[in-house]
Every structure is written in structure tokens, then in C-alpha cells.
Amino acid sequence: MNSISALIVDDNMAARKLLRSVLMGLGRRIITFEAGGGHDAIRQINLGLYDIIFLDVEMPDMNGFEVMKEILVEIPDQFVVIVSANATIDNVKTTVALGGKGFIAKPYTIAKVKGVVDKYLQTRG
């Protein structure tokens, strides 16, 4: 089985570690990378490609939507998932309108994260 590379972008280290733990527990070979903010994420994305990028919306340097816009200009088919404690209709609509492939509300369930990973696997055939 091929591995999946995932970049977790969140300014909260505990949130990054929790999502990494959930991903590692899915029973798939998932290699995780972390970024502590939007600018750090952009730098890491410029260095390599990731299968899935999980973006927090609220970060001090750039919000997740700004980061997603920049990513999708350079890599239009990138699989980007927004992760946010603010699961408002507007945030979900913005995610879809900007080209995001999923939205996960915090606190999230293992099933929700698994669903996003499964969706990614379906898209890559």
C-alpha cells in the first residue's frame, strides 16, 4: 500500500499533535508533517508536495482561507481540508467556493477524519 503524506497546519501544537495521532490511528500508512502557521505552511508547500493539507482557519499570521487561496493558485488540484472550531455555514460555503475538498469541525471525530482520507483515496483512483 502506498503512503499518504499529510501536512497539518495549525498554530496550536496540541491540535496538530491530536490530528496527527488520529491520522496515525486510521490503520493506513500516513506520513505527517506539521506547520505552525500560514507562512510556515507556504514555505513547506514550496519545498514539496503533500497528498492532503489540513488547514486551521484561525491563525495569527494568515488565516486558513488565505493559505488555501495561495496553495490552489500554484497547485489547483491540491486536496485541501479546512479544520475549524467555527463550523458556521459561511465557513463551510467559503471552503467550497475557494476549492476546498472538505471541512472538519473541531472537536472532530475519528470517523470524520477517516471520511476525508477515504474521500481523498477515492479521488486518486
N, C-alpha and C. Protein backbone atom coordinates (compact mmCIF):
# COMPACT_ATOMS: atom_id res chain seq x y z
N MET A 1 0.84 -1.18 0.00
CA MET A 1 0.00 0.00 0.00
C MET A 1 0.89 1.24 0.00
N ASN A 2 0.58 2.19 -0.85
CA ASN A 2 1.32 3.44 -0.91
C ASN A 2 1.01 4.29 0.31
N SER A 3 1.96 5.13 0.67
CA SER A 3 1.73 6.01 1.81
C SER A 3 1.03 7.28 1.36
N ILE A 4 0.43 7.95 2.32
CA ILE A 4 -0.23 9.24 2.12
C ILE A 4 0.56 10.26 2.91
N SER A 5 0.87 11.39 2.29
CA SER A 5 1.56 12.46 3.03
C SER A 5 0.53 13.53 3.38
N ALA A 6 0.56 13.95 4.63
CA ALA A 6 -0.40 14.95 5.11
C ALA A 6 0.35 16.07 5.81
N LEU A 7 -0.02 17.31 5.47
CA LEU A 7 0.51 18.48 6.15
C LEU A 7 -0.59 19.02 7.05
N ILE A 8 -0.30 19.15 8.33
CA ILE A 8 -1.24 19.66 9.32
C ILE A 8 -0.81 21.08 9.68
N VAL A 9 -1.67 22.04 9.40
CA VAL A 9 -1.34 23.45 9.64
C VAL A 9 -2.26 24.00 10.72
N ASP A 10 -1.68 24.32 11.86
CA ASP A 10 -2.46 24.85 12.99
C ASP A 10 -1.47 25.56 13.90
N ASP A 11 -1.85 26.72 14.42
CA ASP A 11 -0.95 27.44 15.32
C ASP A 11 -0.92 26.82 16.71
N ASN A 12 -1.83 25.91 17.00
CA ASN A 12 -1.90 25.25 18.29
C ASN A 12 -1.21 23.88 18.20
N MET A 13 -0.08 23.74 18.92
CA MET A 13 0.67 22.50 18.85
C MET A 13 -0.14 21.29 19.30
N ALA A 14 -0.93 21.45 20.35
CA ALA A 14 -1.74 20.33 20.84
C ALA A 14 -2.75 19.88 19.78
N ALA A 15 -3.32 20.82 19.05
CA ALA A 15 -4.26 20.49 17.98
C ALA A 15 -3.56 19.72 16.86
N ARG A 16 -2.34 20.14 16.51
CA ARG A 16 -1.57 19.43 15.48
C ARG A 16 -1.27 18.02 15.93
N LYS A 17 -0.84 17.86 17.16
CA LYS A 17 -0.48 16.53 17.69
C LYS A 17 -1.71 15.62 17.74
N LEU A 18 -2.85 16.18 18.12
CA LEU A 18 -4.07 15.38 18.19
C LEU A 18 -4.47 14.88 16.80
N LEU A 19 -4.46 15.75 15.81
CA LEU A 19 -4.83 15.34 14.46
C LEU A 19 -3.82 14.32 13.93
N ARG A 20 -2.55 14.54 14.20
CA ARG A 20 -1.54 13.57 13.78
C ARG A 20 -1.82 12.21 14.39
N SER A 21 -2.16 12.19 15.68
CA SER A 21 -2.46 10.94 16.37
C SER A 21 -3.67 10.23 15.75
N VAL A 22 -4.70 11.00 15.43
CA VAL A 22 -5.89 10.43 14.80
C VAL A 22 -5.52 9.84 13.44
N LEU A 23 -4.76 10.57 12.64
CA LEU A 23 -4.36 10.09 11.32
C LEU A 23 -3.53 8.81 11.43
N MET A 24 -2.62 8.77 12.38
CA MET A 24 -1.76 7.59 12.55
C MET A 24 -2.57 6.38 13.00
N GLY A 25 -3.68 6.62 13.68
CA GLY A 25 -4.51 5.52 14.18
C GLY A 25 -5.52 4.99 13.18
N LEU A 26 -5.52 5.50 11.96
CA LEU A 26 -6.51 5.07 10.97
C LEU A 26 -6.17 3.74 10.30
N GLY A 27 -5.00 3.20 10.58
CA GLY A 27 -4.65 1.91 10.01
C GLY A 27 -4.13 2.01 8.59
N ARG A 28 -3.75 3.20 8.18
CA ARG A 28 -3.15 3.42 6.86
C ARG A 28 -1.75 3.98 7.08
N ARG A 29 -0.95 3.88 6.06
CA ARG A 29 0.40 4.43 6.17
C ARG A 29 0.33 5.92 5.81
N ILE A 30 0.29 6.74 6.85
CA ILE A 30 0.19 8.19 6.66
C ILE A 30 1.42 8.85 7.28
N ILE A 31 2.12 9.60 6.45
CA ILE A 31 3.30 10.33 6.91
C ILE A 31 2.85 11.77 7.14
N THR A 32 3.02 12.26 8.36
CA THR A 32 2.54 13.60 8.68
C THR A 32 3.68 14.59 8.82
N PHE A 33 3.37 15.81 8.41
CA PHE A 33 4.25 16.95 8.56
C PHE A 33 3.43 18.04 9.23
N GLU A 34 4.09 18.96 9.89
CA GLU A 34 3.37 20.00 10.61
C GLU A 34 3.90 21.39 10.29
N ALA A 35 2.99 22.35 10.33
CA ALA A 35 3.35 23.76 10.19
C ALA A 35 2.58 24.52 11.27
N GLY A 36 3.26 25.48 11.90
CA GLY A 36 2.66 26.23 12.99
C GLY A 36 1.92 27.49 12.57
N GLY A 37 1.82 27.73 11.27
CA GLY A 37 1.10 28.91 10.80
C GLY A 37 1.07 28.94 9.28
N GLY A 38 0.43 29.96 8.76
CA GLY A 38 0.24 30.07 7.32
C GLY A 38 1.53 30.27 6.55
N HIS A 39 2.39 31.17 7.02
CA HIS A 39 3.65 31.41 6.31
C HIS A 39 4.54 30.17 6.32
N ASP A 40 4.57 29.48 7.45
CA ASP A 40 5.34 28.24 7.57
C ASP A 40 4.78 27.20 6.59
N ALA A 41 3.47 27.13 6.48
CA ALA A 41 2.84 26.18 5.56
C ALA A 41 3.23 26.48 4.12
N ILE A 42 3.17 27.74 3.72
CA ILE A 42 3.53 28.13 2.35
C ILE A 42 4.98 27.74 2.06
N ARG A 43 5.89 27.98 3.01
CA ARG A 43 7.29 27.59 2.83
C ARG A 43 7.42 26.09 2.63
N GLN A 44 6.71 25.31 3.46
CA GLN A 44 6.81 23.86 3.35
C GLN A 44 6.21 23.35 2.04
N ILE A 45 5.13 23.95 1.60
CA ILE A 45 4.49 23.53 0.35
C ILE A 45 5.40 23.84 -0.83
N ASN A 46 6.15 24.92 -0.74
CA ASN A 46 7.10 25.25 -1.80
C ASN A 46 8.25 24.25 -1.88
N LEU A 47 8.50 23.53 -0.79
CA LEU A 47 9.58 22.54 -0.77
C LEU A 47 9.15 21.16 -1.23
N GLY A 48 7.87 20.87 -1.20
CA GLY A 48 7.42 19.53 -1.58
C GLY A 48 5.92 19.43 -1.68
N LEU A 49 5.48 18.33 -2.27
CA LEU A 49 4.05 18.11 -2.46
C LEU A 49 3.49 17.24 -1.34
N TYR A 50 2.25 17.49 -1.00
CA TYR A 50 1.55 16.72 0.02
C TYR A 50 0.26 16.19 -0.60
N ASP A 51 -0.16 15.02 -0.16
CA ASP A 51 -1.41 14.47 -0.67
C ASP A 51 -2.61 15.23 -0.11
N ILE A 52 -2.60 15.45 1.20
CA ILE A 52 -3.69 16.14 1.88
C ILE A 52 -3.10 17.26 2.73
N ILE A 53 -3.75 18.41 2.72
CA ILE A 53 -3.35 19.51 3.59
C ILE A 53 -4.55 19.86 4.48
N PHE A 54 -4.35 19.78 5.78
CA PHE A 54 -5.36 20.16 6.77
C PHE A 54 -5.03 21.56 7.26
N LEU A 55 -5.94 22.50 7.07
CA LEU A 55 -5.69 23.90 7.43
C LEU A 55 -6.66 24.39 8.50
N ASP A 56 -6.12 24.89 9.59
CA ASP A 56 -6.95 25.59 10.57
C ASP A 56 -7.34 26.94 9.97
N VAL A 57 -8.52 27.44 10.31
CA VAL A 57 -8.95 28.73 9.78
C VAL A 57 -8.28 29.88 10.53
N GLU A 58 -8.34 29.85 11.84
CA GLU A 58 -7.88 30.99 12.62
C GLU A 58 -6.44 30.79 13.10
N MET A 59 -5.55 31.52 12.46
CA MET A 59 -4.13 31.53 12.83
C MET A 59 -3.68 32.98 12.84
N PRO A 60 -2.69 33.33 13.65
CA PRO A 60 -2.33 34.73 13.79
C PRO A 60 -1.69 35.37 12.56
N ASP A 61 -0.93 34.62 11.77
CA ASP A 61 -0.22 35.25 10.67
C ASP A 61 -1.02 35.29 9.37
N MET A 62 -1.69 34.23 9.03
CA MET A 62 -2.56 34.16 7.85
C MET A 62 -3.70 33.22 8.22
N ASN A 63 -4.91 33.53 7.79
CA ASN A 63 -5.97 32.56 8.09
C ASN A 63 -5.95 31.44 7.05
N GLY A 64 -6.61 30.36 7.37
CA GLY A 64 -6.60 29.19 6.51
C GLY A 64 -7.13 29.44 5.11
N PHE A 65 -8.09 30.34 4.99
CA PHE A 65 -8.63 30.64 3.66
C PHE A 65 -7.59 31.36 2.80
N GLU A 66 -6.83 32.25 3.39
CA GLU A 66 -5.75 32.93 2.66
C GLU A 66 -4.70 31.93 2.19
N VAL A 67 -4.35 31.02 3.08
CA VAL A 67 -3.36 30.00 2.74
C VAL A 67 -3.89 29.11 1.62
N MET A 68 -5.16 28.71 1.74
CA MET A 68 -5.76 27.84 0.72
C MET A 68 -5.76 28.52 -0.64
N LYS A 69 -6.10 29.81 -0.68
CA LYS A 69 -6.08 30.54 -1.95
C LYS A 69 -4.70 30.49 -2.59
N GLU A 70 -3.66 30.74 -1.80
CA GLU A 70 -2.30 30.72 -2.34
C GLU A 70 -1.91 29.33 -2.85
N ILE A 71 -2.28 28.32 -2.08
CA ILE A 71 -1.95 26.94 -2.47
C ILE A 71 -2.62 26.60 -3.79
N LEU A 72 -3.91 26.90 -3.89
CA LEU A 72 -4.67 26.47 -5.07
C LEU A 72 -4.33 27.25 -6.33
N VAL A 73 -3.72 28.43 -6.18
CA VAL A 73 -3.22 29.15 -7.35
C VAL A 73 -2.05 28.37 -7.95
N GLU A 74 -1.18 27.87 -7.08
CA GLU A 74 0.01 27.14 -7.54
C GLU A 74 -0.29 25.68 -7.88
N ILE A 75 -1.17 25.05 -7.09
CA ILE A 75 -1.48 23.63 -7.26
C ILE A 75 -3.01 23.48 -7.26
N PRO A 76 -3.67 23.74 -8.39
CA PRO A 76 -5.13 23.79 -8.43
C PRO A 76 -5.85 22.53 -7.98
N ASP A 77 -5.24 21.36 -8.13
CA ASP A 77 -5.93 20.13 -7.74
C ASP A 77 -5.52 19.62 -6.35
N GLN A 78 -4.84 20.47 -5.58
CA GLN A 78 -4.41 20.07 -4.23
C GLN A 78 -5.63 19.74 -3.37
N PHE A 79 -5.55 18.67 -2.61
CA PHE A 79 -6.63 18.23 -1.73
C PHE A 79 -6.47 18.97 -0.40
N VAL A 80 -7.25 20.04 -0.22
CA VAL A 80 -7.16 20.88 0.98
C VAL A 80 -8.44 20.71 1.80
N VAL A 81 -8.26 20.51 3.10
CA VAL A 81 -9.37 20.36 4.03
C VAL A 81 -9.25 21.44 5.09
N ILE A 82 -10.33 22.17 5.31
CA ILE A 82 -10.35 23.18 6.37
C ILE A 82 -10.79 22.52 7.67
N VAL A 83 -10.10 22.86 8.75
CA VAL A 83 -10.42 22.36 10.08
C VAL A 83 -10.67 23.58 10.96
N SER A 84 -11.85 23.65 11.60
CA SER A 84 -12.15 24.85 12.37
C SER A 84 -13.13 24.57 13.50
N ALA A 85 -12.95 25.31 14.59
CA ALA A 85 -13.91 25.27 15.69
C ALA A 85 -15.15 26.09 15.35
N ASN A 86 -15.03 26.94 14.34
CA ASN A 86 -16.16 27.77 13.90
C ASN A 86 -16.83 27.15 12.69
N ALA A 87 -17.68 26.17 12.96
CA ALA A 87 -18.35 25.44 11.88
C ALA A 87 -19.61 26.18 11.45
N THR A 88 -19.41 27.40 11.00
CA THR A 88 -20.55 28.19 10.54
C THR A 88 -20.85 27.87 9.08
N ILE A 89 -22.06 28.16 8.68
CA ILE A 89 -22.46 27.96 7.28
C ILE A 89 -21.53 28.79 6.37
N ASP A 90 -21.20 30.00 6.78
CA ASP A 90 -20.32 30.85 5.98
C ASP A 90 -18.94 30.22 5.79
N ASN A 91 -18.38 29.63 6.84
CA ASN A 91 -17.06 29.00 6.72
C ASN A 91 -17.11 27.79 5.79
N VAL A 92 -18.18 27.02 5.89
CA VAL A 92 -18.32 25.86 5.00
C VAL A 92 -18.50 26.32 3.55
N LYS A 93 -19.34 27.33 3.34
CA LYS A 93 -19.55 27.85 1.99
C LYS A 93 -18.26 28.43 1.41
N THR A 94 -17.51 29.15 2.23
CA THR A 94 -16.25 29.72 1.77
C THR A 94 -15.27 28.62 1.39
N THR A 95 -15.21 27.56 2.18
CA THR A 95 -14.34 26.43 1.88
C THR A 95 -14.65 25.86 0.50
N VAL A 96 -15.92 25.63 0.25
CA VAL A 96 -16.34 25.06 -1.03
C VAL A 96 -16.09 26.05 -2.18
N ALA A 97 -16.44 27.31 -1.96
CA ALA A 97 -16.28 28.32 -3.00
C ALA A 97 -14.81 28.50 -3.41
N LEU A 98 -13.89 28.35 -2.46
CA LEU A 98 -12.47 28.53 -2.76
C LEU A 98 -11.81 27.27 -3.32
N GLY A 99 -12.54 26.17 -3.32
CA GLY A 99 -11.99 24.94 -3.89
C GLY A 99 -11.54 23.90 -2.88
N GLY A 100 -11.90 24.09 -1.62
CA GLY A 100 -11.57 23.10 -0.60
C GLY A 100 -12.32 21.80 -0.84
N LYS A 101 -11.69 20.70 -0.45
CA LYS A 101 -12.29 19.37 -0.68
C LYS A 101 -13.05 18.84 0.53
N GLY A 102 -12.96 19.57 1.66
CA GLY A 102 -13.66 19.12 2.85
C GLY A 102 -13.57 20.13 3.97
N PHE A 103 -14.45 19.94 4.95
CA PHE A 103 -14.49 20.80 6.13
C PHE A 103 -14.69 19.90 7.33
N ILE A 104 -13.83 20.03 8.32
CA ILE A 104 -13.96 19.24 9.55
C ILE A 104 -14.12 20.21 10.71
N ALA A 105 -15.20 20.03 11.46
CA ALA A 105 -15.46 20.88 12.62
C ALA A 105 -14.73 20.32 13.84
N LYS A 106 -14.11 21.23 14.61
CA LYS A 106 -13.50 20.86 15.88
C LYS A 106 -14.56 20.97 16.96
N PRO A 107 -14.63 20.11 17.92
CA PRO A 107 -13.84 18.89 18.01
C PRO A 107 -14.35 17.87 16.99
N TYR A 108 -13.43 17.20 16.33
CA TYR A 108 -13.82 16.28 15.27
C TYR A 108 -13.80 14.85 15.80
N THR A 109 -14.44 14.00 15.03
CA THR A 109 -14.46 12.59 15.37
C THR A 109 -13.47 11.84 14.48
N ILE A 110 -13.06 10.69 14.93
CA ILE A 110 -12.18 9.85 14.13
C ILE A 110 -12.88 9.50 12.82
N ALA A 111 -14.19 9.24 12.89
CA ALA A 111 -14.95 8.89 11.68
C ALA A 111 -14.92 10.01 10.65
N LYS A 112 -14.99 11.25 11.10
CA LYS A 112 -14.97 12.39 10.17
C LYS A 112 -13.61 12.49 9.48
N VAL A 113 -12.54 12.34 10.24
CA VAL A 113 -11.20 12.39 9.66
C VAL A 113 -11.01 11.22 8.70
N LYS A 114 -11.46 10.05 9.09
CA LYS A 114 -11.37 8.88 8.22
C LYS A 114 -12.15 9.11 6.93
N GLY A 115 -13.32 9.74 7.03
CA GLY A 115 -14.12 10.03 5.85
C GLY A 115 -13.39 10.93 4.86
N VAL A 116 -12.67 11.91 5.36
CA VAL A 116 -11.91 12.82 4.50
C VAL A 116 -10.76 12.06 3.82
N VAL A 117 -10.07 11.21 4.57
CA VAL A 117 -8.97 10.43 4.00
C VAL A 117 -9.52 9.47 2.94
N ASP A 118 -10.64 8.83 3.24
CA ASP A 118 -11.27 7.93 2.27
C ASP A 118 -11.68 8.68 1.01
N LYS A 119 -12.20 9.90 1.17
CA LYS A 119 -12.57 10.72 0.01
C LYS A 119 -11.35 11.03 -0.84
N TYR A 120 -10.24 11.34 -0.19
CA TYR A 120 -9.01 11.59 -0.93
C TYR A 120 -8.62 10.34 -1.73
N LEU A 121 -8.65 9.17 -1.08
CA LEU A 121 -8.26 7.94 -1.75
C LEU A 121 -9.17 7.64 -2.94
N GLN A 122 -10.44 7.96 -2.84
CA GLN A 122 -11.37 7.77 -3.97
C GLN A 122 -11.02 8.68 -5.13
N THR A 123 -10.55 9.89 -4.84
CA THR A 123 -10.24 10.83 -5.92
C THR A 123 -8.97 10.47 -6.66
N ARG A 124 -8.08 9.75 -6.00
CA ARG A 124 -6.83 9.43 -6.70
C ARG A 124 -6.91 8.11 -7.44
N GLY A 125 -8.06 7.45 -7.34
CA GLY A 125 -8.30 6.25 -8.15
C GLY A 125 -7.60 5.08 -7.66
